[in-house]
């Protein structure tokens, strides 16, 4: 019984849910990027509202941290998306080559 359960779990993870997991990860990445962008906008708005000179340093730190996080998430998303783009361009080249051979 345990063998079948392990086999089923492995099959489900590899075959059935693989596409859904990738789609969910893309959505999660996009949500994180949107949240980081909102954090950055909030930090900039807070900096513009600062009147206390002692709080300006904190506001600058918040902006810098938010920019770094936003840049990192964008770079990471593009890096993850790059193999997908190269696969799509490979398929397009194959279609072009097949049609020119015919």
PDB file of N, CA and C in Angstrom:
ATOM      1  N   UNK A   1       0.819  -1.197   0.000  1.00  0.00           N
ATOM      2  CA  UNK A   1       0.000   0.000   0.000  1.00  0.00           C
ATOM      3  C   UNK A   1       0.860   1.257   0.000  1.00  0.00           C
ATOM      4  N   UNK A   2       1.921   1.263   0.803  1.00  0.00           N
ATOM      5  CA  UNK A   2       2.780   2.434   0.874  1.00  0.00           C
ATOM      6  C   UNK A   2       3.482   2.682  -0.450  1.00  0.00           C
ATOM      7  N   UNK A   3       3.815   1.610  -1.153  1.00  0.00           N
ATOM      8  CA  UNK A   3       4.481   1.753  -2.448  1.00  0.00           C
ATOM      9  C   UNK A   3       3.570   2.476  -3.426  1.00  0.00           C
ATOM     10  N   UNK A   4       2.297   2.092  -3.451  1.00  0.00           N
ATOM     11  CA  UNK A   4       1.351   2.743  -4.352  1.00  0.00           C
ATOM     12  C   UNK A   4       1.161   4.208  -3.988  1.00  0.00           C
ATOM     13  N   UNK A   5       1.124   4.479  -2.710  1.00  0.00           N
ATOM     14  CA  UNK A   5       0.954   5.859  -2.267  1.00  0.00           C
ATOM     15  C   UNK A   5       2.143   6.720  -2.682  1.00  0.00           C
ATOM     16  N   UNK A   6       3.344   6.205  -2.485  1.00  0.00           N
ATOM     17  CA  UNK A   6       4.543   6.934  -2.902  1.00  0.00           C
ATOM     18  C   UNK A   6       4.566   7.121  -4.413  1.00  0.00           C
ATOM     19  N   UNK A   7       4.188   6.070  -5.132  1.00  0.00           N
ATOM     20  CA  UNK A   7       4.166   6.142  -6.593  1.00  0.00           C
ATOM     21  C   UNK A   7       3.165   7.203  -7.052  1.00  0.00           C
ATOM     22  N   UNK A   8       1.976   7.203  -6.444  1.00  0.00           N
ATOM     23  CA  UNK A   8       0.946   8.164  -6.813  1.00  0.00           C
ATOM     24  C   UNK A   8       1.392   9.596  -6.522  1.00  0.00           C
ATOM     25  N   UNK A   9       1.994   9.816  -5.374  1.00  0.00           N
ATOM     26  CA  UNK A   9       2.480  11.147  -5.023  1.00  0.00           C
ATOM     27  C   UNK A   9       3.526  11.637  -6.018  1.00  0.00           C
ATOM     28  N   UNK A  10       4.444  10.748  -6.378  1.00  0.00           N
ATOM     29  CA  UNK A  10       5.483  11.123  -7.342  1.00  0.00           C
ATOM     30  C   UNK A  10       4.872  11.440  -8.693  1.00  0.00           C
ATOM     31  N   UNK A  11       3.935  10.619  -9.138  1.00  0.00           N
ATOM     32  CA  UNK A  11       3.268  10.847 -10.422  1.00  0.00           C
ATOM     33  C   UNK A  11       2.503  12.160 -10.411  1.00  0.00           C
ATOM     34  N   UNK A  12       1.799  12.412  -9.333  1.00  0.00           N
ATOM     35  CA  UNK A  12       1.020  13.641  -9.228  1.00  0.00           C
ATOM     36  C   UNK A  12       1.915  14.868  -9.263  1.00  0.00           C
ATOM     37  N   UNK A  13       3.014  14.823  -8.540  1.00  0.00           N
ATOM     38  CA  UNK A  13       3.924  15.963  -8.506  1.00  0.00           C
ATOM     39  C   UNK A  13       4.562  16.216  -9.860  1.00  0.00           C
ATOM     40  N   UNK A  14       4.986  15.154 -10.518  1.00  0.00           N
ATOM     41  CA  UNK A  14       5.719  15.306 -11.772  1.00  0.00           C
ATOM     42  C   UNK A  14       4.792  15.613 -12.935  1.00  0.00           C
ATOM     43  N   UNK A  15       3.712  14.885 -13.061  1.00  0.00           N
ATOM     44  CA  UNK A  15       2.877  14.978 -14.258  1.00  0.00           C
ATOM     45  C   UNK A  15       1.672  15.898 -14.115  1.00  0.00           C
ATOM     46  N   UNK A  16       0.931  15.709 -13.083  1.00  0.00           N
ATOM     47  CA  UNK A  16      -0.359  16.371 -12.997  1.00  0.00           C
ATOM     48  C   UNK A  16      -0.290  17.811 -12.522  1.00  0.00           C
ATOM     49  N   UNK A  17       0.559  18.096 -11.573  1.00  0.00           N
ATOM     50  CA  UNK A  17       0.572  19.427 -10.984  1.00  0.00           C
ATOM     51  C   UNK A  17       1.728  20.289 -11.439  1.00  0.00           C
ATOM     52  N   UNK A  18       2.599  19.754 -12.265  1.00  0.00           N
ATOM     53  CA  UNK A  18       3.788  20.495 -12.664  1.00  0.00           C
ATOM     54  C   UNK A  18       3.423  21.807 -13.355  1.00  0.00           C
ATOM     55  N   UNK A  19       2.498  21.780 -14.293  1.00  0.00           N
ATOM     56  CA  UNK A  19       2.090  22.995 -14.990  1.00  0.00           C
ATOM     57  C   UNK A  19       1.402  23.983 -14.071  1.00  0.00           C
ATOM     58  N   UNK A  20       0.568  23.476 -13.165  1.00  0.00           N
ATOM     59  CA  UNK A  20      -0.126  24.354 -12.230  1.00  0.00           C
ATOM     60  C   UNK A  20       0.857  25.019 -11.273  1.00  0.00           C
ATOM     61  N   UNK A  21       1.847  24.263 -10.819  1.00  0.00           N
ATOM     62  CA  UNK A  21       2.844  24.828  -9.915  1.00  0.00           C
ATOM     63  C   UNK A  21       3.616  25.950 -10.598  1.00  0.00           C
ATOM     64  N   UNK A  22       3.995  25.734 -11.858  1.00  0.00           N
ATOM     65  CA  UNK A  22       4.725  26.775 -12.582  1.00  0.00           C
ATOM     66  C   UNK A  22       3.865  28.015 -12.739  1.00  0.00           C
ATOM     67  N   UNK A  23       2.590  27.823 -13.067  1.00  0.00           N
ATOM     68  CA  UNK A  23       1.686  28.959 -13.227  1.00  0.00           C
ATOM     69  C   UNK A  23       1.528  29.696 -11.900  1.00  0.00           C
ATOM     70  N   UNK A  24       1.394  28.949 -10.811  1.00  0.00           N
ATOM     71  CA  UNK A  24       1.247  29.568  -9.493  1.00  0.00           C
ATOM     72  C   UNK A  24       2.498  30.349  -9.121  1.00  0.00           C
ATOM     73  N   UNK A  25       3.686  29.805  -9.448  1.00  0.00           N
ATOM     74  CA  UNK A  25       4.931  30.505  -9.142  1.00  0.00           C
ATOM     75  C   UNK A  25       5.015  31.814  -9.913  1.00  0.00           C
ATOM     76  N   UNK A  26       4.564  31.800 -11.187  1.00  0.00           N
ATOM     77  CA  UNK A  26       4.571  33.034 -11.969  1.00  0.00           C
ATOM     78  C   UNK A  26       3.663  34.072 -11.321  1.00  0.00           C
ATOM     79  N   UNK A  27       2.469  33.633 -10.905  1.00  0.00           N
ATOM     80  CA  UNK A  27       1.546  34.561 -10.257  1.00  0.00           C
ATOM     81  C   UNK A  27       2.125  35.078  -8.950  1.00  0.00           C
ATOM     82  N   UNK A  28       2.746  34.188  -8.179  1.00  0.00           N
ATOM     83  CA  UNK A  28       3.364  34.615  -6.927  1.00  0.00           C
ATOM     84  C   UNK A  28       4.457  35.647  -7.183  1.00  0.00           C
ATOM     85  N   UNK A  29       5.267  35.421  -8.216  1.00  0.00           N
ATOM     86  CA  UNK A  29       6.329  36.368  -8.551  1.00  0.00           C
ATOM     87  C   UNK A  29       5.748  37.721  -8.936  1.00  0.00           C
ATOM     88  N   UNK A  30       4.699  37.706  -9.726  1.00  0.00           N
ATOM     89  CA  UNK A  30       4.082  38.958 -10.165  1.00  0.00           C
ATOM     90  C   UNK A  30       3.487  39.706  -8.973  1.00  0.00           C
ATOM     91  N   UNK A  31       2.859  38.987  -8.072  1.00  0.00           N
ATOM     92  CA  UNK A  31       2.294  39.617  -6.872  1.00  0.00           C
ATOM     93  C   UNK A  31       3.403  40.228  -6.025  1.00  0.00           C
ATOM     94  N   UNK A  32       4.506  39.506  -5.856  1.00  0.00           N
ATOM     95  CA  UNK A  32       5.634  40.038  -5.086  1.00  0.00           C
ATOM     96  C   UNK A  32       6.193  41.302  -5.728  1.00  0.00           C
ATOM     97  N   UNK A  33       6.296  41.311  -7.043  1.00  0.00           N
ATOM     98  CA  UNK A  33       6.803  42.491  -7.749  1.00  0.00           C
ATOM     99  C   UNK A  33       5.860  43.670  -7.547  1.00  0.00           C
ATOM    100  N   UNK A  34       4.561  43.425  -7.640  1.00  0.00           N
ATOM    101  CA  UNK A  34       3.594  44.503  -7.423  1.00  0.00           C
ATOM    102  C   UNK A  34       3.670  45.040  -5.994  1.00  0.00           C
ATOM    103  N   UNK A  35       3.828  44.144  -5.028  1.00  0.00           N
ATOM    104  CA  UNK A  35       3.954  44.585  -3.637  1.00  0.00           C
ATOM    105  C   UNK A  35       5.225  45.405  -3.436  1.00  0.00           C
ATOM    106  N   UNK A  36       6.314  44.976  -4.057  1.00  0.00           N
ATOM    107  CA  UNK A  36       7.578  45.712  -3.933  1.00  0.00           C
ATOM    108  C   UNK A  36       7.457  47.098  -4.559  1.00  0.00           C
ATOM    109  N   UNK A  37       6.745  47.179  -5.668  1.00  0.00           N
ATOM    110  CA  UNK A  37       6.545  48.477  -6.317  1.00  0.00           C
ATOM    111  C   UNK A  37       5.720  49.402  -5.414  1.00  0.00           C
ATOM    112  N   UNK A  38       4.693  48.850  -4.790  1.00  0.00           N
ATOM    113  CA  UNK A  38       3.886  49.649  -3.871  1.00  0.00           C
ATOM    114  C   UNK A  38       4.702  50.096  -2.659  1.00  0.00           C
ATOM    115  N   UNK A  39       5.568  49.203  -2.164  1.00  0.00           N
ATOM    116  CA  UNK A  39       6.462  49.568  -1.055  1.00  0.00           C
ATOM    117  C   UNK A  39       7.357  50.738  -1.442  1.00  0.00           C
ATOM    118  N   UNK A  40       7.882  50.682  -2.652  1.00  0.00           N
ATOM    119  CA  UNK A  40       8.763  51.740  -3.136  1.00  0.00           C
ATOM    120  C   UNK A  40       8.009  53.061  -3.247  1.00  0.00           C
ATOM    121  N   UNK A  41       6.813  53.015  -3.802  1.00  0.00           N
ATOM    122  CA  UNK A  41       6.016  54.237  -3.918  1.00  0.00           C
ATOM    123  C   UNK A  41       5.661  54.800  -2.543  1.00  0.00           C
ATOM    124  N   UNK A  42       5.351  53.925  -1.607  1.00  0.00           N
ATOM    125  CA  UNK A  42       5.043  54.362  -0.244  1.00  0.00           C
ATOM    126  C   UNK A  42       6.259  55.004   0.412  1.00  0.00           C
ATOM    127  N   UNK A  43       7.417  54.396   0.235  1.00  0.00           N
ATOM    128  CA  UNK A  43       8.649  54.950   0.822  1.00  0.00           C
ATOM    129  C   UNK A  43       8.955  56.323   0.239  1.00  0.00           C
ATOM    130  N   UNK A  44       8.764  56.481  -1.065  1.00  0.00           N
ATOM    131  CA  UNK A  44       8.999  57.793  -1.692  1.00  0.00           C
ATOM    132  C   UNK A  44       8.006  58.832  -1.181  1.00  0.00           C
ATOM    133  N   UNK A  45       6.763  58.409  -1.023  1.00  0.00           N
ATOM    134  CA  UNK A  45       5.740  59.324  -0.513  1.00  0.00           C
ATOM    135  C   UNK A  45       6.067  59.747   0.922  1.00  0.00           C
ATOM    136  N   UNK A  46       6.507  58.792   1.729  1.00  0.00           N
ATOM    137  CA  UNK A  46       6.872  59.115   3.115  1.00  0.00           C
ATOM    138  C   UNK A  46       8.056  60.075   3.152  1.00  0.00           C
ATOM    139  N   UNK A  47       9.026  59.877   2.261  1.00  0.00           N
ATOM    140  CA  UNK A  47      10.180  60.776   2.198  1.00  0.00           C
ATOM    141  C   UNK A  47       9.727  62.197   1.877  1.00  0.00           C
ATOM    142  N   UNK A  48       8.785  62.314   0.946  1.00  0.00           N
ATOM    143  CA  UNK A  48       8.294  63.634   0.560  1.00  0.00           C
ATOM    144  C   UNK A  48       7.553  64.320   1.709  1.00  0.00           C
ATOM    145  N   UNK A  49       6.985  63.542   2.616  1.00  0.00           N
ATOM    146  CA  UNK A  49       6.215  64.096   3.730  1.00  0.00           C
ATOM    147  C   UNK A  49       7.058  64.378   4.979  1.00  0.00           C
ATOM    148  N   UNK A  50       8.310  63.928   4.994  1.00  0.00           N
ATOM    149  CA  UNK A  50       9.153  64.065   6.189  1.00  0.00           C
ATOM    150  C   UNK A  50       9.479  65.527   6.470  1.00  0.00           C
ATOM    151  N   UNK A  51       9.272  65.918   7.709  1.00  0.00           N
ATOM    152  CA  UNK A  51       9.630  67.261   8.142  1.00  0.00           C
ATOM    153  C   UNK A  51      10.744  67.224   9.178  1.00  0.00           C
ATOM    154  N   UNK A  52      10.840  66.136   9.905  1.00  0.00           N
ATOM    155  CA  UNK A  52      11.856  65.984  10.947  1.00  0.00           C
ATOM    156  C   UNK A  52      13.175  65.547  10.309  1.00  0.00           C
ATOM    157  N   UNK A  53      14.244  66.340  10.452  1.00  0.00           N
ATOM    158  CA  UNK A  53      15.528  65.993   9.833  1.00  0.00           C
ATOM    159  C   UNK A  53      16.081  64.641  10.289  1.00  0.00           C
ATOM    160  N   UNK A  54      15.766  64.247  11.522  1.00  0.00           N
ATOM    161  CA  UNK A  54      16.250  62.959  12.011  1.00  0.00           C
ATOM    162  C   UNK A  54      15.580  61.783  11.286  1.00  0.00           C
ATOM    163  N   UNK A  55      14.398  61.998  10.774  1.00  0.00           N
ATOM    164  CA  UNK A  55      13.674  60.921  10.094  1.00  0.00           C
ATOM    165  C   UNK A  55      14.034  60.811   8.610  1.00  0.00           C
ATOM    166  N   UNK A  56      14.729  61.818   8.083  1.00  0.00           N
ATOM    167  CA  UNK A  56      15.107  61.790   6.670  1.00  0.00           C
ATOM    168  C   UNK A  56      16.025  60.607   6.382  1.00  0.00           C
ATOM    169  N   UNK A  57      16.973  60.340   7.287  1.00  0.00           N
ATOM    170  CA  UNK A  57      17.870  59.197   7.095  1.00  0.00           C
ATOM    171  C   UNK A  57      17.089  57.887   7.010  1.00  0.00           C
ATOM    172  N   UNK A  58      16.106  57.754   7.879  1.00  0.00           N
ATOM    173  CA  UNK A  58      15.285  56.550   7.860  1.00  0.00           C
ATOM    174  C   UNK A  58      14.508  56.444   6.547  1.00  0.00           C
ATOM    175  N   UNK A  59      13.990  57.561   6.071  1.00  0.00           N
ATOM    176  CA  UNK A  59      13.231  57.561   4.825  1.00  0.00           C
ATOM    177  C   UNK A  59      14.126  57.186   3.643  1.00  0.00           C
ATOM    178  N   UNK A  60      15.351  57.714   3.626  1.00  0.00           N
ATOM    179  CA  UNK A  60      16.298  57.374   2.554  1.00  0.00           C
ATOM    180  C   UNK A  60      16.629  55.888   2.602  1.00  0.00           C
ATOM    181  N   UNK A  61      16.843  55.373   3.795  1.00  0.00           N
ATOM    182  CA  UNK A  61      17.118  53.943   3.960  1.00  0.00           C
ATOM    183  C   UNK A  61      15.943  53.112   3.447  1.00  0.00           C
ATOM    184  N   UNK A  62      14.727  53.524   3.750  1.00  0.00           N
ATOM    185  CA  UNK A  62      13.535  52.802   3.296  1.00  0.00           C
ATOM    186  C   UNK A  62      13.430  52.797   1.779  1.00  0.00           C
ATOM    187  N   UNK A  63      13.720  53.936   1.163  1.00  0.00           N
ATOM    188  CA  UNK A  63      13.681  54.016  -0.298  1.00  0.00           C
ATOM    189  C   UNK A  63      14.735  53.102  -0.906  1.00  0.00           C
ATOM    190  N   UNK A  64      15.942  53.163  -0.370  1.00  0.00           N
ATOM    191  CA  UNK A  64      17.034  52.336  -0.893  1.00  0.00           C
ATOM    192  C   UNK A  64      16.701  50.852  -0.767  1.00  0.00           C
ATOM    193  N   UNK A  65      16.186  50.447   0.378  1.00  0.00           N
ATOM    194  CA  UNK A  65      15.832  49.040   0.586  1.00  0.00           C
ATOM    195  C   UNK A  65      14.716  48.612  -0.362  1.00  0.00           C
ATOM    196  N   UNK A  66      13.717  49.460  -0.540  1.00  0.00           N
ATOM    197  CA  UNK A  66      12.604  49.129  -1.428  1.00  0.00           C
ATOM    198  C   UNK A  66      13.072  49.041  -2.880  1.00  0.00           C
ATOM    199  N   UNK A  67      13.967  49.948  -3.291  1.00  0.00           N
ATOM    200  CA  UNK A  67      14.508  49.893  -4.654  1.00  0.00           C
ATOM    201  C   UNK A  67      15.294  48.607  -4.885  1.00  0.00           C
ATOM    202  N   UNK A  68      16.114  48.234  -3.912  1.00  0.00           N
ATOM    203  CA  UNK A  68      16.921  47.009  -4.036  1.00  0.00           C
ATOM    204  C   UNK A  68      16.018  45.783  -4.156  1.00  0.00           C
ATOM    205  N   UNK A  69      14.991  45.727  -3.331  1.00  0.00           N
ATOM    206  CA  UNK A  69      14.069  44.582  -3.370  1.00  0.00           C
ATOM    207  C   UNK A  69      13.340  44.520  -4.705  1.00  0.00           C
ATOM    208  N   UNK A  70      12.850  45.655  -5.167  1.00  0.00           N
ATOM    209  CA  UNK A  70      12.129  45.719  -6.441  1.00  0.00           C
ATOM    210  C   UNK A  70      13.042  45.302  -7.594  1.00  0.00           C
ATOM    211  N   UNK A  71      14.265  45.832  -7.628  1.00  0.00           N
ATOM    212  CA  UNK A  71      15.218  45.473  -8.682  1.00  0.00           C
ATOM    213  C   UNK A  71      15.548  43.985  -8.651  1.00  0.00           C
ATOM    214  N   UNK A  72      15.747  43.449  -7.449  1.00  0.00           N
ATOM    215  CA  UNK A  72      16.065  42.025  -7.324  1.00  0.00           C
ATOM    216  C   UNK A  72      14.918  41.157  -7.841  1.00  0.00           C
ATOM    217  N   UNK A  73      13.689  41.473  -7.452  1.00  0.00           N
ATOM    218  CA  UNK A  73      12.548  40.670  -7.880  1.00  0.00           C
ATOM    219  C   UNK A  73      12.357  40.730  -9.389  1.00  0.00           C
ATOM    220  N   UNK A  74      12.553  41.915  -9.978  1.00  0.00           N
ATOM    221  CA  UNK A  74      12.447  42.024 -11.433  1.00  0.00           C
ATOM    222  C   UNK A  74      13.521  41.200 -12.132  1.00  0.00           C
ATOM    223  N   UNK A  75      14.745  41.308 -11.651  1.00  0.00           N
ATOM    224  CA  UNK A  75      15.851  40.558 -12.243  1.00  0.00           C
ATOM    225  C   UNK A  75      15.614  39.051 -12.114  1.00  0.00           C
ATOM    226  N   UNK A  76      15.151  38.625 -10.949  1.00  0.00           N
ATOM    227  CA  UNK A  76      14.885  37.206 -10.715  1.00  0.00           C
ATOM    228  C   UNK A  76      13.763  36.714 -11.626  1.00  0.00           C
ATOM    229  N   UNK A  77      12.712  37.508 -11.794  1.00  0.00           N
ATOM    230  CA  UNK A  77      11.595  37.135 -12.668  1.00  0.00           C
ATOM    231  C   UNK A  77      12.057  37.014 -14.115  1.00  0.00           C
ATOM    232  N   UNK A  78      12.862  37.967 -14.561  1.00  0.00           N
ATOM    233  CA  UNK A  78      13.380  37.914 -15.937  1.00  0.00           C
ATOM    234  C   UNK A  78      14.292  36.712 -16.141  1.00  0.00           C
ATOM    235  N   UNK A  79      15.099  36.397 -15.129  1.00  0.00           N
ATOM    236  CA  UNK A  79      15.994  35.242 -15.217  1.00  0.00           C
ATOM    237  C   UNK A  79      15.185  33.949 -15.320  1.00  0.00           C
ATOM    238  N   UNK A  80      14.113  33.845 -14.549  1.00  0.00           N
ATOM    239  CA  UNK A  80      13.259  32.660 -14.605  1.00  0.00           C
ATOM    240  C   UNK A  80      12.524  32.570 -15.931  1.00  0.00           C
ATOM    241  N   UNK A  81      12.170  33.716 -16.482  1.00  0.00           N
ATOM    242  CA  UNK A  81      11.401  33.743 -17.725  1.00  0.00           C
ATOM    243  C   UNK A  81      12.288  33.511 -18.944  1.00  0.00           C
ATOM    244  N   UNK A  82      13.572  33.779 -18.846  1.00  0.00           N
ATOM    245  CA  UNK A  82      14.490  33.682 -19.984  1.00  0.00           C
ATOM    246  C   UNK A  82      14.489  32.300 -20.642  1.00  0.00           C
ATOM    247  N   UNK A  83      14.606  31.191 -19.912  1.00  0.00           N
ATOM    248  CA  UNK A  83      14.582  29.884 -20.578  1.00  0.00           C
ATOM    249  C   UNK A  83      13.286  29.652 -21.344  1.00  0.00           C
ATOM    250  N   UNK A  84      12.178  30.158 -20.813  1.00  0.00           N
ATOM    251  CA  UNK A  84      10.902  30.013 -21.494  1.00  0.00           C
ATOM    252  C   UNK A  84      10.921  30.767 -22.820  1.00  0.00           C
ATOM    253  N   UNK A  85      11.482  31.967 -22.821  1.00  0.00           N
ATOM    254  CA  UNK A  85      11.558  32.752 -24.046  1.00  0.00           C
ATOM    255  C   UNK A  85      12.454  32.087 -25.078  1.00  0.00           C
ATOM    256  N   UNK A  86      13.571  31.512 -24.636  1.00  0.00           N
ATOM    257  CA  UNK A  86      14.467  30.862 -25.588  1.00  0.00           C
ATOM    258  C   UNK A  86      13.814  29.614 -26.169  1.00  0.00           C
ATOM    259  N   UNK A  87      13.008  28.889 -25.374  1.00  0.00           N
ATOM    260  CA  UNK A  87      12.296  27.721 -25.909  1.00  0.00           C
ATOM    261  C   UNK A  87      11.289  28.157 -26.958  1.00  0.00           C
ATOM    262  N   UNK A  88      10.601  29.264 -26.709  1.00  0.00           N
ATOM    263  CA  UNK A  88       9.625  29.757 -27.671  1.00  0.00           C
ATOM    264  C   UNK A  88      10.305  30.180 -28.968  1.00  0.00           C
ATOM    265  N   UNK A  89      11.453  30.836 -28.876  1.00  0.00           N
ATOM    266  CA  UNK A  89      12.152  31.254 -30.089  1.00  0.00           C
ATOM    267  C   UNK A  89      12.708  30.047 -30.830  1.00  0.00           C
ATOM    268  N   UNK A  90      13.141  29.006 -30.099  1.00  0.00           N
ATOM    269  CA  UNK A  90      13.602  27.778 -30.751  1.00  0.00           C
ATOM    270  C   UNK A  90      12.469  27.128 -31.528  1.00  0.00           C
ATOM    271  N   UNK A  91      11.276  27.094 -30.935  1.00  0.00           N
ATOM    272  CA  UNK A  91      10.123  26.518 -31.634  1.00  0.00           C
ATOM    273  C   UNK A  91       9.802  27.327 -32.886  1.00  0.00           C
ATOM    274  N   UNK A  92       9.866  28.638 -32.777  1.00  0.00           N
ATOM    275  CA  UNK A  92       9.575  29.486 -33.931  1.00  0.00           C
ATOM    276  C   UNK A  92      10.591  29.248 -35.041  1.00  0.00           C
ATOM    277  N   UNK A  93      11.863  29.109 -34.691  1.00  0.00           N
ATOM    278  CA  UNK A  93      12.895  28.834 -35.692  1.00  0.00           C
ATOM    279  C   UNK A  93      12.671  27.483 -36.343  1.00  0.00           C
ATOM    280  N   UNK A  94      12.261  26.493 -35.573  1.00  0.00           N
ATOM    281  CA  UNK A  94      11.989  25.173 -36.134  1.00  0.00           C
ATOM    282  C   UNK A  94      10.833  25.228 -37.117  1.00  0.00           C
ATOM    283  N   UNK A  95       9.797  25.978 -36.792  1.00  0.00           N
ATOM    284  CA  UNK A  95       8.653  26.111 -37.696  1.00  0.00           C
ATOM    285  C   UNK A  95       9.085  26.793 -38.983  1.00  0.00           C
ATOM    286  N   UNK A  96       9.901  27.826 -38.878  1.00  0.00           N
ATOM    287  CA  UNK A  96      10.380  28.538 -40.067  1.00  0.00           C
ATOM    288  C   UNK A  96      11.244  27.623 -40.918  1.00  0.00           C
ATOM    289  N   UNK A  97      12.133  26.882 -40.280  1.00  0.00           N
ATOM    290  CA  UNK A  97      12.997  25.967 -41.024  1.00  0.00           C
ATOM    291  C   UNK A  97      12.198  24.869 -41.702  1.00  0.00           C
ATOM    292  N   UNK A  98      11.188  24.326 -41.024  1.00  0.00           N
ATOM    293  CA  UNK A  98      10.366  23.276 -41.613  1.00  0.00           C
ATOM    294  C   UNK A  98       9.580  23.803 -42.800  1.00  0.00           C
ATOM    295  N   UNK A  99       9.066  25.018 -42.700  1.00  0.00           N
ATOM    296  CA  UNK A  99       8.280  25.568 -43.803  1.00  0.00           C
ATOM    297  C   UNK A  99       9.165  25.927 -44.994  1.00  0.00           C
ATOM    298  N   UNK A 100      10.409  26.313 -44.749  1.00  0.00           N
ATOM    299  CA  UNK A 100      11.298  26.635 -45.866  1.00  0.00           C
ATOM    300  C   UNK A 100      11.820  25.376 -46.544  1.00  0.00           C
ATOM    301  N   UNK A 101      11.893  24.253 -45.796  1.00  0.00           N
ATOM    302  CA  UNK A 101      12.329  22.989 -46.380  1.00  0.00           C
ATOM    303  C   UNK A 101      11.247  22.375 -47.253  1.00  0.00           C
ATOM    304  N   UNK A 102       9.999  22.694 -46.988  1.00  0.00           N
ATOM    305  CA  UNK A 102       8.890  22.063 -47.708  1.00  0.00           C
ATOM    306  C   UNK A 102       8.688  22.644 -49.064  1.00  0.00           C
TER     307      UNK A 102
END
